Amino acid sequence: MIQIVQLKLPIKHTNEDMHSAIVKALKLAKSRTFEYTIIKKSIDARKEEIKYIYTVEVRVDLSKQETEKDIVNKCRNSNVSITERTSYRFEPKGTKPLKHRPVIVGTGPAGLFSAWILAKHGYQPLVVERGYEVNKRVTVVEHFWEQNDLNPNCNVQFGEGGAGTFSDGKLNTMVKDAFHRYPLVMETFVEHGAPSDILYLNKPHIGTDKLRGVVENMRNDIIRMGGEVRFATTLTDILIENDQLAGIELNHNERISCEVLITAIGHSARDTFAMLLKRGIHLSPKAFAIGLRIEHKQSMISMAQYGKSYIDLPAADYKLTHQTKSGRGVYSFCMCPGGYVVNASSEPGHLVVNGMSNYARNGDNANSAIVVTVQPEDFPNTDPLSGVAFQRNWEKAAYAAGKGVVPVQLFGDLFHYRKSVTIGSVIPNIKGEYRLSNLTECLPDNIIEALKEGIMAFDKKIKGFADEEAILSGVESRTSSPVRIHRNEFYESNITGIYPCGEGAGYAGGITSAAIDGIKVFEAVADCYKPCYE
């Protein structure tokens, strides 16, 4: 294939414009026929005239004795080269027969991908999920947002698809991928109903509305390939004999024998963390971040990023970082263009917020978490679950500040340490009831000071970011797992047969990296064991 990079086209371009640009780049006669595939599409807003930048792969109908190399050599263009597309390849090498089918706990991206690829290779896994299937889950969550009636086992954190089901569905990742697991993840999403543009957009996302159908289709595929998926089913204990997994307990009343357990439990399964610790699994506290959500008008963010051209472009996003005078990192996290802030609580008497966007990202407001890094030394003790206790303390404070609903405050009021009494020009776009409050009661003083400094610094990058009428809500405490479940180079914990996996185990930070970790754990299992049904 011939690859062309840095192919620049105007915002309002046509397919004919793309065709002409390829002809020009390859110095082809206008009569030559070819096909092309978009590999990457991004926006270049660095100059006054904003353009789209493409990477494309082109297959030219070659004449006799002509090669693609001949065309590339003729171009004398450093942006044109020969490329070979590579794909994910893995062949299970396990020889140890399983006596029982492997069990996966959790249907977030880590659990879903490990289960799907195990099923594809004939392992017929059992998948258990404490929450409900996605359509029933949506009903339960919307009921919570309308009536403030929390279901502790099925909410924004728990249920089919994991916490990512109620998110922006971002699919970008910083994971280095020499084995082409990332393309496998993206192609699998598309095969199961995701928009095909995620294969080439520079910052791909699915959106919560489309992600729901994708996870349902993947679940049905797992079942079609011989797996089983059980909802409203919680892992309540593990059975260990001679430092090896012997089985599991579900819902306190059912025991199942198994030699392989993949714990893709997510970052909010606090009762499961406690159970694993009690059973001798090695855990340790890890760094994470805590802060607030901020809302601005999406038009302001897009205008600041793109100028007047923003009308013809997708809703703009941003990624901001700042190092405070005290040395703490402040950064934007899970930015949701045209999205919603959602009440993402999972425990009674505690309150958590998160961000969510539909695929169209056509809501009035942009929102993002603005968070501050915290280290284990910030926690009150060195217990492995001290980070969980730290989160709970401030989530309880947020619940109290909002009197049971999402506490919100204008940035100007937070800056001056006063309770908000009225909404300004930015109307909160929040799923769930909210109440004007004083968010300085919801976080430690040093975190509040870091947030204030960070937001003022971000105003120098995006004019208007520190608008006194920007809306803050809290608390954002589930940025990542506060716990790491230790595993060795074979992806096993200190108990043979238990494979910690994904974001909850401390090895991922988002939908894509969690899915990739699920694939890695599958490979570790398949390198050791062969299916019990062969």
Protein backbone atom coordinates (compact mmCIF):
# COMPACT_ATOMS: atom_id res chain seq x y z
CA MET A 1 0.00 0.00 0.00
CA ILE A 2 1.07 3.59 -0.58
CA GLN A 3 0.71 5.86 2.43
CA ILE A 4 0.33 9.64 2.27
CA VAL A 5 0.71 11.67 5.47
CA GLN A 6 0.09 15.37 6.11
CA LEU A 7 -2.60 15.59 3.45
CA LYS A 8 -4.20 18.96 4.24
CA LEU A 9 -7.71 19.90 3.13
CA PRO A 10 -10.06 22.80 3.95
CA ILE A 11 -12.73 22.32 6.60
CA LYS A 12 -15.47 22.27 3.94
CA HIS A 13 -14.01 19.80 1.49
CA THR A 14 -15.67 17.18 -0.69
CA ASN A 15 -14.76 13.65 -1.76
CA GLU A 16 -13.68 15.17 -5.05
CA ASP A 17 -11.27 17.45 -3.17
CA MET A 18 -9.76 14.42 -1.45
CA HIS A 19 -9.46 12.60 -4.79
CA SER A 20 -7.70 15.59 -6.36
CA ALA A 21 -5.30 15.93 -3.41
CA ILE A 22 -4.27 12.27 -3.73
CA VAL A 23 -3.78 12.62 -7.48
CA LYS A 24 -1.57 15.65 -6.89
CA ALA A 25 0.44 14.03 -4.08
CA LEU A 26 1.13 10.88 -6.14
CA LYS A 27 1.55 12.77 -9.44
CA LEU A 28 -1.00 10.52 -11.10
CA ALA A 29 -2.76 11.13 -14.36
CA LYS A 30 -6.35 12.19 -13.79
CA SER A 31 -7.51 9.07 -15.62
CA ARG A 32 -5.79 6.69 -13.16
CA THR A 33 -8.07 4.72 -10.89
CA PHE A 34 -7.38 4.02 -7.25
CA GLU A 35 -9.01 3.31 -3.90
CA TYR A 36 -8.10 4.93 -0.61
CA THR A 37 -8.69 4.33 3.08
CA ILE A 38 -8.51 7.05 5.73
CA ILE A 39 -6.09 5.99 8.46
CA LYS A 40 -6.06 9.17 10.54
CA LYS A 41 -7.99 12.43 10.60
CA SER A 42 -7.21 15.38 12.85
CA ILE A 43 -7.73 19.13 13.02
CA ASP A 44 -4.84 21.57 12.61
CA ALA A 45 -5.85 24.77 14.42
CA ARG A 46 -2.36 26.20 14.79
CA LYS A 47 -2.76 28.73 11.97
CA GLU A 48 -5.45 31.21 11.06
CA GLU A 49 -6.87 28.95 8.37
CA ILE A 50 -7.92 25.75 10.13
CA LYS A 51 -7.60 22.57 8.10
CA TYR A 52 -8.15 18.85 8.38
CA ILE A 53 -5.01 16.73 8.19
CA TYR A 54 -5.28 13.20 6.83
CA THR A 55 -3.18 10.09 6.61
CA VAL A 56 -4.49 7.83 3.86
CA GLU A 57 -3.53 4.49 2.37
CA VAL A 58 -3.92 4.26 -1.40
CA ARG A 59 -4.18 1.22 -3.65
CA VAL A 60 -3.49 2.23 -7.26
CA ASP A 61 -4.52 0.07 -10.20
CA LEU A 62 -1.03 -0.64 -11.55
CA SER A 63 -0.12 -0.98 -15.20
CA LYS A 64 1.99 -3.87 -16.47
CA GLN A 65 5.46 -4.06 -14.90
CA GLU A 66 4.66 -1.03 -12.72
CA THR A 67 5.10 -1.23 -8.95
CA GLU A 68 3.97 0.92 -6.06
CA LYS A 69 7.62 1.68 -5.42
CA ASP A 70 7.84 3.21 -8.91
CA ILE A 71 5.02 5.60 -8.04
CA VAL A 72 6.61 6.57 -4.71
CA ASN A 73 10.00 7.16 -6.32
CA LYS A 74 8.43 9.34 -8.97
CA CYS A 75 6.77 11.53 -6.33
CA ARG A 76 9.98 12.51 -4.52
CA ASN A 77 7.79 13.48 -1.59
CA SER A 78 8.78 12.67 1.99
CA ASN A 79 5.10 12.44 2.89
CA VAL A 80 4.61 9.50 0.51
CA SER A 81 5.92 6.01 1.31
CA ILE A 82 5.26 2.29 1.05
CA THR A 83 3.50 0.84 4.08
CA GLU A 84 2.45 -2.63 5.10
CA ARG A 85 -0.62 -3.02 7.26
CA THR A 86 -0.13 -5.35 10.20
CA SER A 87 -2.75 -6.88 12.45
CA TYR A 88 -3.05 -8.59 15.80
CA ARG A 89 -1.96 -12.20 15.81
CA PHE A 90 -1.92 -14.59 18.74
CA GLU A 91 -2.04 -18.36 18.90
CA PRO A 92 -2.76 -19.98 22.29
CA LYS A 93 0.11 -22.22 23.38
CA GLY A 94 -1.33 -23.52 26.65
CA THR A 95 -1.01 -27.21 27.32
CA LYS A 96 -2.45 -27.51 30.82
CA PRO A 97 -6.08 -28.62 30.49
CA LEU A 98 -8.65 -26.69 32.46
CA LYS A 99 -11.02 -28.79 34.52
CA HIS A 100 -13.51 -25.96 34.73
CA ARG A 101 -14.31 -22.98 32.57
CA PRO A 102 -12.55 -19.70 33.39
CA VAL A 103 -14.54 -17.07 35.30
CA ILE A 104 -14.42 -13.34 34.58
CA VAL A 105 -15.78 -10.89 37.15
CA GLY A 106 -16.96 -7.61 35.67
CA THR A 107 -18.27 -6.53 32.26
CA GLY A 108 -16.35 -3.30 31.87
CA PRO A 109 -13.95 -3.11 28.90
CA ALA A 110 -11.29 -5.27 30.60
CA GLY A 111 -13.69 -8.05 31.50
CA LEU A 112 -15.66 -7.78 28.28
CA PHE A 113 -12.60 -8.10 26.04
CA SER A 114 -10.95 -10.89 28.03
CA ALA A 115 -14.26 -12.79 27.97
CA TRP A 116 -14.92 -12.13 24.29
CA ILE A 117 -11.53 -13.30 23.10
CA LEU A 118 -11.54 -16.31 25.45
CA ALA A 119 -14.91 -17.28 23.99
CA LYS A 120 -13.56 -16.78 20.47
CA HIS A 121 -10.81 -19.31 21.21
CA GLY A 122 -13.16 -21.91 22.64
CA TYR A 123 -12.76 -21.39 26.40
CA GLN A 124 -16.52 -20.89 26.97
CA PRO A 125 -16.05 -18.50 29.92
CA LEU A 126 -18.50 -17.71 32.68
CA VAL A 127 -18.90 -13.93 33.10
CA VAL A 128 -20.50 -12.50 36.24
CA GLU A 129 -21.61 -8.92 36.77
CA ARG A 130 -23.10 -7.45 39.95
CA GLY A 131 -25.20 -4.93 38.02
CA TYR A 132 -27.88 -5.41 35.39
CA GLU A 133 -27.84 -5.85 31.62
CA VAL A 134 -27.43 -2.53 29.87
CA ASN A 135 -31.04 -1.72 28.95
CA LYS A 136 -32.33 -2.49 32.44
CA ARG A 137 -29.34 -0.64 33.88
CA VAL A 138 -30.21 2.52 31.91
CA THR A 139 -33.73 2.41 33.36
CA VAL A 140 -32.37 2.03 36.91
CA VAL A 141 -29.84 4.86 36.48
CA GLU A 142 -32.39 7.25 34.98
CA HIS A 143 -34.74 6.46 37.86
CA PHE A 144 -31.92 7.37 40.27
CA TRP A 145 -31.30 10.68 38.49
CA GLU A 146 -35.03 11.51 38.63
CA GLN A 147 -35.90 10.22 42.11
CA ASN A 148 -32.52 10.11 43.90
CA ASP A 149 -33.21 6.46 44.76
CA LEU A 150 -29.81 4.73 44.62
CA ASN A 151 -29.35 1.04 43.81
CA PRO A 152 -25.91 0.16 45.31
CA ASN A 153 -25.42 -2.76 42.92
CA CYS A 154 -26.59 -1.13 39.70
CA ASN A 155 -25.70 2.50 39.00
CA VAL A 156 -23.27 4.63 36.99
CA GLN A 157 -20.36 2.57 38.37
CA PHE A 158 -21.83 -0.97 38.29
CA GLY A 159 -23.58 -2.82 35.49
CA GLU A 160 -23.01 -4.02 31.95
CA GLY A 161 -20.25 -2.05 30.25
CA GLY A 162 -18.77 -0.73 33.52
CA ALA A 163 -18.38 2.93 34.40
CA GLY A 164 -17.52 3.73 30.78
CA THR A 165 -21.10 3.05 29.68
CA PHE A 166 -22.09 6.40 31.21
CA SER A 167 -19.20 8.46 29.88
CA ASP A 168 -18.01 10.18 26.72
CA GLY A 169 -16.73 6.84 25.44
CA LYS A 170 -13.23 8.15 24.75
CA LEU A 171 -10.97 5.66 22.98
CA ASN A 172 -7.61 7.42 22.83
CA THR A 173 -4.77 5.89 24.84
CA MET A 174 -1.10 6.44 25.63
CA VAL A 175 -0.40 2.69 25.78
CA LYS A 176 2.53 1.62 23.59
CA ASP A 177 1.23 -1.10 21.31
CA ALA A 178 3.86 -3.16 19.50
CA PHE A 179 1.48 -6.15 19.25
CA HIS A 180 -1.42 -4.33 17.53
CA ARG A 181 -3.90 -4.86 20.33
CA TYR A 182 -5.21 -1.30 19.91
CA PRO A 183 -6.43 -1.86 16.32
CA LEU A 184 -8.05 -5.10 17.49
CA VAL A 185 -9.99 -3.18 20.14
CA MET A 186 -11.16 -0.54 17.67
CA GLU A 187 -12.08 -3.03 14.95
CA THR A 188 -13.98 -5.15 17.48
CA PHE A 189 -15.96 -2.12 18.61
CA VAL A 190 -16.86 -1.31 14.99
CA GLU A 191 -17.84 -4.94 14.29
CA HIS A 192 -20.26 -4.68 17.20
CA GLY A 193 -21.90 -1.42 16.17
CA ALA A 194 -19.55 1.46 16.94
CA PRO A 195 -19.21 4.24 14.33
CA SER A 196 -16.52 3.39 11.77
CA ASP A 197 -14.89 6.81 12.17
CA ILE A 198 -13.27 5.63 15.43
CA LEU A 199 -10.81 3.76 13.21
CA TYR A 200 -9.23 6.98 11.99
CA LEU A 201 -10.22 9.98 14.12
CA ASN A 202 -7.32 11.43 16.08
CA LYS A 203 -9.46 11.57 19.24
CA PRO A 204 -12.07 8.87 18.74
CA HIS A 205 -15.11 8.47 20.93
CA ILE A 206 -18.28 6.37 20.79
CA GLY A 207 -20.61 8.30 23.09
CA THR A 208 -22.74 6.82 25.82
CA ASP A 209 -25.78 6.38 23.54
CA LYS A 210 -23.95 4.20 21.00
CA LEU A 211 -21.68 2.44 23.52
CA ARG A 212 -24.70 0.77 25.11
CA GLY A 213 -25.55 -1.12 21.94
CA VAL A 214 -21.91 -2.12 21.42
CA VAL A 215 -21.56 -3.79 24.83
CA GLU A 216 -24.90 -5.59 24.38
CA ASN A 217 -23.75 -6.93 21.01
CA MET A 218 -20.45 -8.11 22.48
CA ARG A 219 -22.30 -9.89 25.27
CA ASN A 220 -24.54 -11.65 22.76
CA ASP A 221 -21.45 -12.65 20.77
CA ILE A 222 -19.84 -14.16 23.89
CA ILE A 223 -22.99 -16.22 24.46
CA ARG A 224 -23.15 -17.25 20.79
CA MET A 225 -19.57 -18.55 21.04
CA GLY A 226 -20.37 -20.72 24.06
CA GLY A 227 -19.88 -18.37 26.99
CA GLU A 228 -22.36 -17.58 29.75
CA VAL A 229 -23.13 -14.14 31.20
CA ARG A 230 -24.90 -13.73 34.54
CA PHE A 231 -26.15 -10.38 35.83
CA ALA A 232 -27.11 -9.41 39.40
CA THR A 233 -24.31 -11.76 40.44
CA THR A 234 -21.63 -10.58 42.87
CA LEU A 235 -18.33 -12.24 43.71
CA THR A 236 -18.56 -12.56 47.50
CA ASP A 237 -15.64 -14.88 48.31
CA ILE A 238 -12.76 -16.85 46.84
CA LEU A 239 -11.78 -20.37 47.83
CA ILE A 240 -8.05 -21.05 48.18
CA GLU A 241 -6.20 -24.31 48.73
CA ASN A 242 -2.39 -24.44 49.06
CA ASP A 243 -1.99 -20.92 47.63
CA GLN A 244 -4.01 -21.88 44.58
CA LEU A 245 -7.48 -20.85 43.51
CA ALA A 246 -9.98 -23.67 44.09
CA GLY A 247 -13.24 -21.87 43.47
CA ILE A 248 -15.44 -18.84 44.12
CA GLU A 249 -18.58 -17.91 46.01
CA LEU A 250 -21.32 -15.91 44.31
CA ASN A 251 -24.07 -13.94 46.07
CA HIS A 252 -23.11 -15.57 49.39
CA ASN A 253 -25.00 -18.73 48.41
CA GLU A 254 -23.42 -20.43 45.40
CA ARG A 255 -20.01 -22.06 45.12
CA ILE A 256 -18.33 -22.76 41.80
CA SER A 257 -15.08 -24.66 41.25
CA CYS A 258 -12.55 -22.98 38.94
CA GLU A 259 -8.81 -22.73 38.38
CA VAL A 260 -8.83 -19.37 36.55
CA LEU A 261 -10.44 -16.20 37.85
CA ILE A 262 -10.00 -12.86 36.05
CA THR A 263 -10.89 -10.01 38.41
CA ALA A 264 -11.87 -7.10 36.16
CA ILE A 265 -13.82 -5.48 38.98
CA GLY A 266 -13.41 -1.76 38.18
CA HIS A 267 -12.25 1.07 40.40
CA SER A 268 -15.35 1.21 42.62
CA ALA A 269 -15.75 -2.39 43.85
CA ARG A 270 -14.67 -1.49 47.36
CA ASP A 271 -16.31 -4.47 49.05
CA THR A 272 -14.47 -6.79 46.64
CA PHE A 273 -11.14 -5.08 47.41
CA ALA A 274 -11.79 -5.70 51.12
CA MET A 275 -12.67 -9.35 50.50
CA LEU A 276 -9.54 -9.96 48.44
CA LEU A 277 -7.38 -8.33 51.11
CA LYS A 278 -9.01 -10.50 53.78
CA ARG A 279 -8.22 -13.61 51.74
CA GLY A 280 -4.53 -12.71 51.52
CA ILE A 281 -4.31 -11.20 48.05
CA HIS A 282 -1.50 -8.66 47.95
CA LEU A 283 -2.80 -5.10 47.55
CA SER A 284 -1.22 -1.69 48.04
CA PRO A 285 -2.48 1.91 47.92
CA LYS A 286 -1.66 3.88 44.77
CA ALA A 287 -1.77 7.47 43.62
CA PHE A 288 -4.89 8.86 41.98
CA ALA A 289 -6.49 12.30 41.64
CA ILE A 290 -9.42 14.11 43.20
CA GLY A 291 -11.20 17.36 42.41
CA LEU A 292 -14.33 18.91 40.90
CA ARG A 293 -16.19 19.09 37.59
CA ILE A 294 -16.28 22.43 35.76
CA GLU A 295 -18.87 23.50 33.18
CA HIS A 296 -18.58 26.24 30.56
CA LYS A 297 -20.69 27.06 27.55
CA GLN A 298 -19.50 24.80 24.74
CA SER A 299 -19.65 27.74 22.31
CA MET A 300 -17.07 29.60 24.43
CA ILE A 301 -14.68 26.63 24.48
CA SER A 302 -15.06 26.03 20.74
CA MET A 303 -14.62 29.72 19.92
CA ALA A 304 -11.47 29.86 22.05
CA GLN A 305 -10.04 26.80 20.29
CA TYR A 306 -11.11 27.39 16.69
CA GLY A 307 -12.23 31.01 16.35
CA LYS A 308 -15.23 31.75 14.15
CA SER A 309 -14.64 28.52 12.23
CA TYR A 310 -15.98 26.56 15.21
CA ILE A 311 -19.47 26.59 13.66
CA ASP A 312 -18.29 24.22 10.94
CA LEU A 313 -16.29 21.92 13.23
CA PRO A 314 -17.10 19.28 15.86
CA ALA A 315 -17.41 20.51 19.46
CA ALA A 316 -13.92 21.41 20.65
CA ASP A 317 -12.21 19.64 23.51
CA TYR A 318 -9.17 20.55 25.59
CA LYS A 319 -6.43 18.96 27.66
CA LEU A 320 -4.83 21.17 30.30
CA THR A 321 -2.09 20.64 32.87
CA HIS A 322 -0.44 22.81 35.53
CA GLN A 323 2.21 22.32 38.20
CA THR A 324 1.36 24.26 41.35
CA LYS A 325 3.82 26.21 43.45
CA SER A 326 3.57 23.45 46.05
CA GLY A 327 4.52 20.83 43.44
CA ARG A 328 1.13 19.19 42.91
CA GLY A 329 -0.16 18.37 39.46
CA VAL A 330 -3.49 19.83 38.39
CA TYR A 331 -5.04 18.65 35.14
CA SER A 332 -8.25 18.28 33.17
CA PHE A 333 -9.61 14.75 33.06
CA CYS A 334 -12.36 13.05 31.04
CA MET A 335 -13.30 16.22 29.17
CA CYS A 336 -16.82 15.92 27.71
CA PRO A 337 -17.61 18.30 24.81
CA GLY A 338 -21.30 19.10 24.60
CA GLY A 339 -21.95 16.78 27.50
CA TYR A 340 -23.50 16.36 30.93
CA VAL A 341 -22.31 16.14 34.49
CA VAL A 342 -23.86 13.05 36.09
CA ASN A 343 -24.48 11.94 39.64
CA ALA A 344 -22.26 8.83 39.64
CA SER A 345 -22.73 7.75 43.26
CA SER A 346 -22.50 4.08 44.16
CA GLU A 347 -22.76 4.07 47.96
CA PRO A 348 -25.60 5.41 50.14
CA GLY A 349 -24.67 8.63 51.95
CA HIS A 350 -21.81 9.40 49.53
CA LEU A 351 -21.79 11.56 46.41
CA VAL A 352 -19.61 11.36 43.29
CA VAL A 353 -19.84 13.14 39.92
CA ASN A 354 -18.60 12.18 36.48
CA GLY A 355 -18.99 13.40 32.89
CA MET A 356 -20.97 11.93 29.99
CA SER A 357 -21.54 12.79 26.31
CA ASN A 358 -23.65 11.35 23.54
CA TYR A 359 -22.01 10.60 20.21
CA ALA A 360 -23.27 13.89 18.73
CA ARG A 361 -21.79 15.95 21.61
CA ASN A 362 -24.51 18.50 21.01
CA GLY A 363 -25.27 19.60 24.56
CA ASP A 364 -25.02 23.27 25.54
CA ASN A 365 -22.10 22.87 27.95
CA ALA A 366 -18.58 21.52 27.93
CA ASN A 367 -17.50 19.85 31.14
CA SER A 368 -14.34 18.34 32.50
CA ALA A 369 -12.96 17.13 35.78
CA ILE A 370 -10.27 19.43 37.14
CA VAL A 371 -8.33 17.21 39.50
CA VAL A 372 -5.26 17.27 41.73
CA THR A 373 -2.88 14.39 42.22
CA VAL A 374 -2.81 12.72 45.62
CA GLN A 375 -0.19 10.23 46.77
CA PRO A 376 -0.42 7.44 49.37
CA GLU A 377 1.38 9.73 51.84
CA ASP A 378 -1.68 12.03 51.66
CA PHE A 379 -3.83 9.26 53.12
CA PRO A 380 -4.26 8.88 56.88
CA ASN A 381 -2.37 5.56 57.16
CA THR A 382 -0.53 2.92 55.14
CA ASP A 383 -3.36 0.37 55.05
CA PRO A 384 -3.81 -0.98 51.47
CA LEU A 385 -7.33 0.46 51.45
CA SER A 386 -6.38 3.86 52.88
CA GLY A 387 -7.04 5.50 49.50
CA VAL A 388 -10.57 4.08 49.56
CA ALA A 389 -11.08 5.59 53.03
CA PHE A 390 -9.77 8.94 51.73
CA GLN A 391 -12.26 8.88 48.84
CA ARG A 392 -15.15 7.91 51.09
CA ASN A 393 -14.42 10.72 53.53
CA TRP A 394 -14.75 13.43 50.87
CA GLU A 395 -17.64 11.74 49.07
CA LYS A 396 -19.51 11.77 52.40
CA ALA A 397 -18.66 15.47 52.78
CA ALA A 398 -20.05 16.17 49.29
CA TYR A 399 -23.27 14.36 50.15
CA ALA A 400 -23.62 16.49 53.27
CA ALA A 401 -22.80 19.74 51.42
CA GLY A 402 -25.48 19.06 48.80
CA LYS A 403 -27.91 17.60 51.33
CA GLY A 404 -28.10 14.39 49.35
CA VAL A 405 -27.91 15.85 45.82
CA VAL A 406 -25.07 17.18 43.66
CA PRO A 407 -23.49 20.24 45.32
CA VAL A 408 -22.69 23.04 42.83
CA GLN A 409 -20.95 26.39 43.13
CA LEU A 410 -19.87 29.21 40.85
CA PHE A 411 -16.11 29.44 40.44
CA GLY A 412 -16.07 33.07 41.65
CA ASP A 413 -17.76 32.01 44.88
CA LEU A 414 -15.37 29.10 45.42
CA PHE A 415 -12.44 31.44 44.78
CA HIS A 416 -13.68 33.76 47.54
CA TYR A 417 -14.78 30.95 49.89
CA ARG A 418 -18.48 31.83 49.88
CA LYS A 419 -21.56 29.73 49.27
CA SER A 420 -23.30 30.28 45.94
CA VAL A 421 -26.84 31.63 46.14
CA THR A 422 -27.70 32.06 42.45
CA ILE A 423 -26.85 30.63 39.02
CA GLY A 424 -25.20 32.92 36.48
CA SER A 425 -24.83 32.71 32.70
CA VAL A 426 -23.84 29.02 32.68
CA ILE A 427 -26.86 26.82 33.42
CA PRO A 428 -25.81 23.47 34.96
CA ASN A 429 -26.34 20.56 32.57
CA ILE A 430 -26.54 17.86 35.22
CA LYS A 431 -28.19 14.43 35.26
CA GLY A 432 -29.63 14.33 38.75
CA GLU A 433 -30.85 16.99 41.15
CA TYR A 434 -28.37 19.65 42.28
CA ARG A 435 -28.19 22.30 44.99
CA LEU A 436 -26.16 25.50 45.36
CA SER A 437 -23.57 24.82 48.04
CA ASN A 438 -20.05 25.55 49.23
CA LEU A 439 -17.64 23.08 47.65
CA THR A 440 -14.78 24.18 49.87
CA GLU A 441 -16.40 21.89 52.46
CA CYS A 442 -15.99 18.89 50.15
CA LEU A 443 -12.20 18.72 49.72
CA PRO A 444 -9.03 19.36 51.77
CA ASP A 445 -7.86 22.97 51.86
CA ASN A 446 -4.65 22.16 49.96
CA ILE A 447 -6.66 20.57 47.15
CA ILE A 448 -8.99 23.59 46.95
CA GLU A 449 -6.00 25.94 46.75
CA ALA A 450 -4.42 23.80 44.01
CA LEU A 451 -7.69 23.82 42.05
CA LYS A 452 -7.97 27.61 42.28
CA GLU A 453 -4.37 28.06 41.12
CA GLY A 454 -4.85 25.56 38.30
CA ILE A 455 -8.07 27.10 36.98
CA MET A 456 -6.49 30.57 36.98
CA ALA A 457 -3.50 29.16 35.07
CA PHE A 458 -5.82 27.47 32.55
CA ASP A 459 -7.46 30.84 31.89
CA LYS A 460 -4.19 31.94 30.28
CA LYS A 461 -4.55 29.10 27.77
CA ILE A 462 -8.31 29.31 27.22
CA LYS A 463 -9.59 32.83 27.80
CA GLY A 464 -12.71 32.66 29.92
CA PHE A 465 -11.86 29.39 31.63
CA ALA A 466 -11.75 31.16 35.01
CA ASP A 467 -15.07 32.91 34.39
CA GLU A 468 -16.60 33.61 37.80
CA GLU A 469 -19.91 32.15 36.57
CA ALA A 470 -18.42 28.82 35.45
CA ILE A 471 -20.21 26.03 37.31
CA LEU A 472 -18.34 23.64 39.60
CA SER A 473 -19.76 20.39 41.01
CA GLY A 474 -18.30 17.74 43.24
CA VAL A 475 -16.71 15.60 44.04
CA GLU A 476 -14.77 13.86 41.29
CA SER A 477 -12.99 11.09 43.20
CA ARG A 478 -13.09 8.06 40.89
CA THR A 479 -10.47 9.15 38.37
CA SER A 480 -8.68 5.81 38.77
CA SER A 481 -8.37 2.99 41.25
CA PRO A 482 -6.91 3.91 44.65
CA VAL A 483 -5.63 0.33 44.89
CA ARG A 484 -3.19 -1.87 43.01
CA ILE A 485 -3.73 -5.63 43.10
CA HIS A 486 -0.26 -7.02 42.65
CA ARG A 487 0.50 -9.41 39.80
CA ASN A 488 3.66 -11.02 38.46
CA GLU A 489 5.13 -11.17 34.96
CA PHE A 490 2.59 -13.91 34.14
CA TYR A 491 -0.28 -11.56 35.18
CA GLU A 492 -1.13 -13.68 38.22
CA SER A 493 -1.57 -12.49 41.79
CA ASN A 494 0.26 -14.17 44.68
CA ILE A 495 -2.52 -16.78 44.53
CA THR A 496 -2.08 -19.02 41.50
CA GLY A 497 -5.03 -18.79 39.12
CA ILE A 498 -6.19 -15.28 40.05
CA TYR A 499 -5.52 -12.71 37.32
CA PRO A 500 -6.05 -9.05 38.38
CA CYS A 501 -7.11 -7.08 35.33
CA GLY A 502 -7.98 -3.60 34.14
CA GLU A 503 -8.47 -0.25 35.80
CA GLY A 504 -9.73 -1.55 39.14
CA ALA A 505 -6.59 -3.63 39.58
CA GLY A 506 -4.45 -0.57 38.88
CA TYR A 507 -3.21 -1.47 35.39
CA ALA A 508 -5.30 0.75 33.09
CA GLY A 509 -6.77 4.22 32.89
CA GLY A 510 -9.71 4.34 30.50
CA ILE A 511 -11.80 2.25 28.13
CA THR A 512 -9.08 1.43 25.61
CA SER A 513 -6.22 0.71 28.00
CA ALA A 514 -8.56 -1.48 30.08
CA ALA A 515 -9.62 -3.40 26.97
CA ILE A 516 -5.97 -3.88 26.00
CA ASP A 517 -5.21 -5.16 29.50
CA GLY A 518 -8.08 -7.61 29.15
CA ILE A 519 -6.46 -8.93 25.97
CA LYS A 520 -3.09 -9.23 27.73
CA VAL A 521 -4.64 -11.27 30.52
CA PHE A 522 -6.34 -13.52 27.97
CA GLU A 523 -2.94 -14.14 26.39
CA ALA A 524 -1.45 -15.03 29.78
CA VAL A 525 -4.26 -17.52 30.46
CA ALA A 526 -4.07 -19.00 26.94
CA ASP A 527 -0.27 -19.36 27.19
CA CYS A 528 -0.77 -21.65 30.20
CA TYR A 529 -4.11 -23.41 29.81
CA LYS A 530 -6.10 -25.01 27.04
CA PRO A 531 -9.91 -25.14 27.03
CA CYS A 532 -11.56 -27.78 29.18
CA TYR A 533 -14.06 -28.57 26.43
CA GLU A 534 -11.56 -29.73 23.79
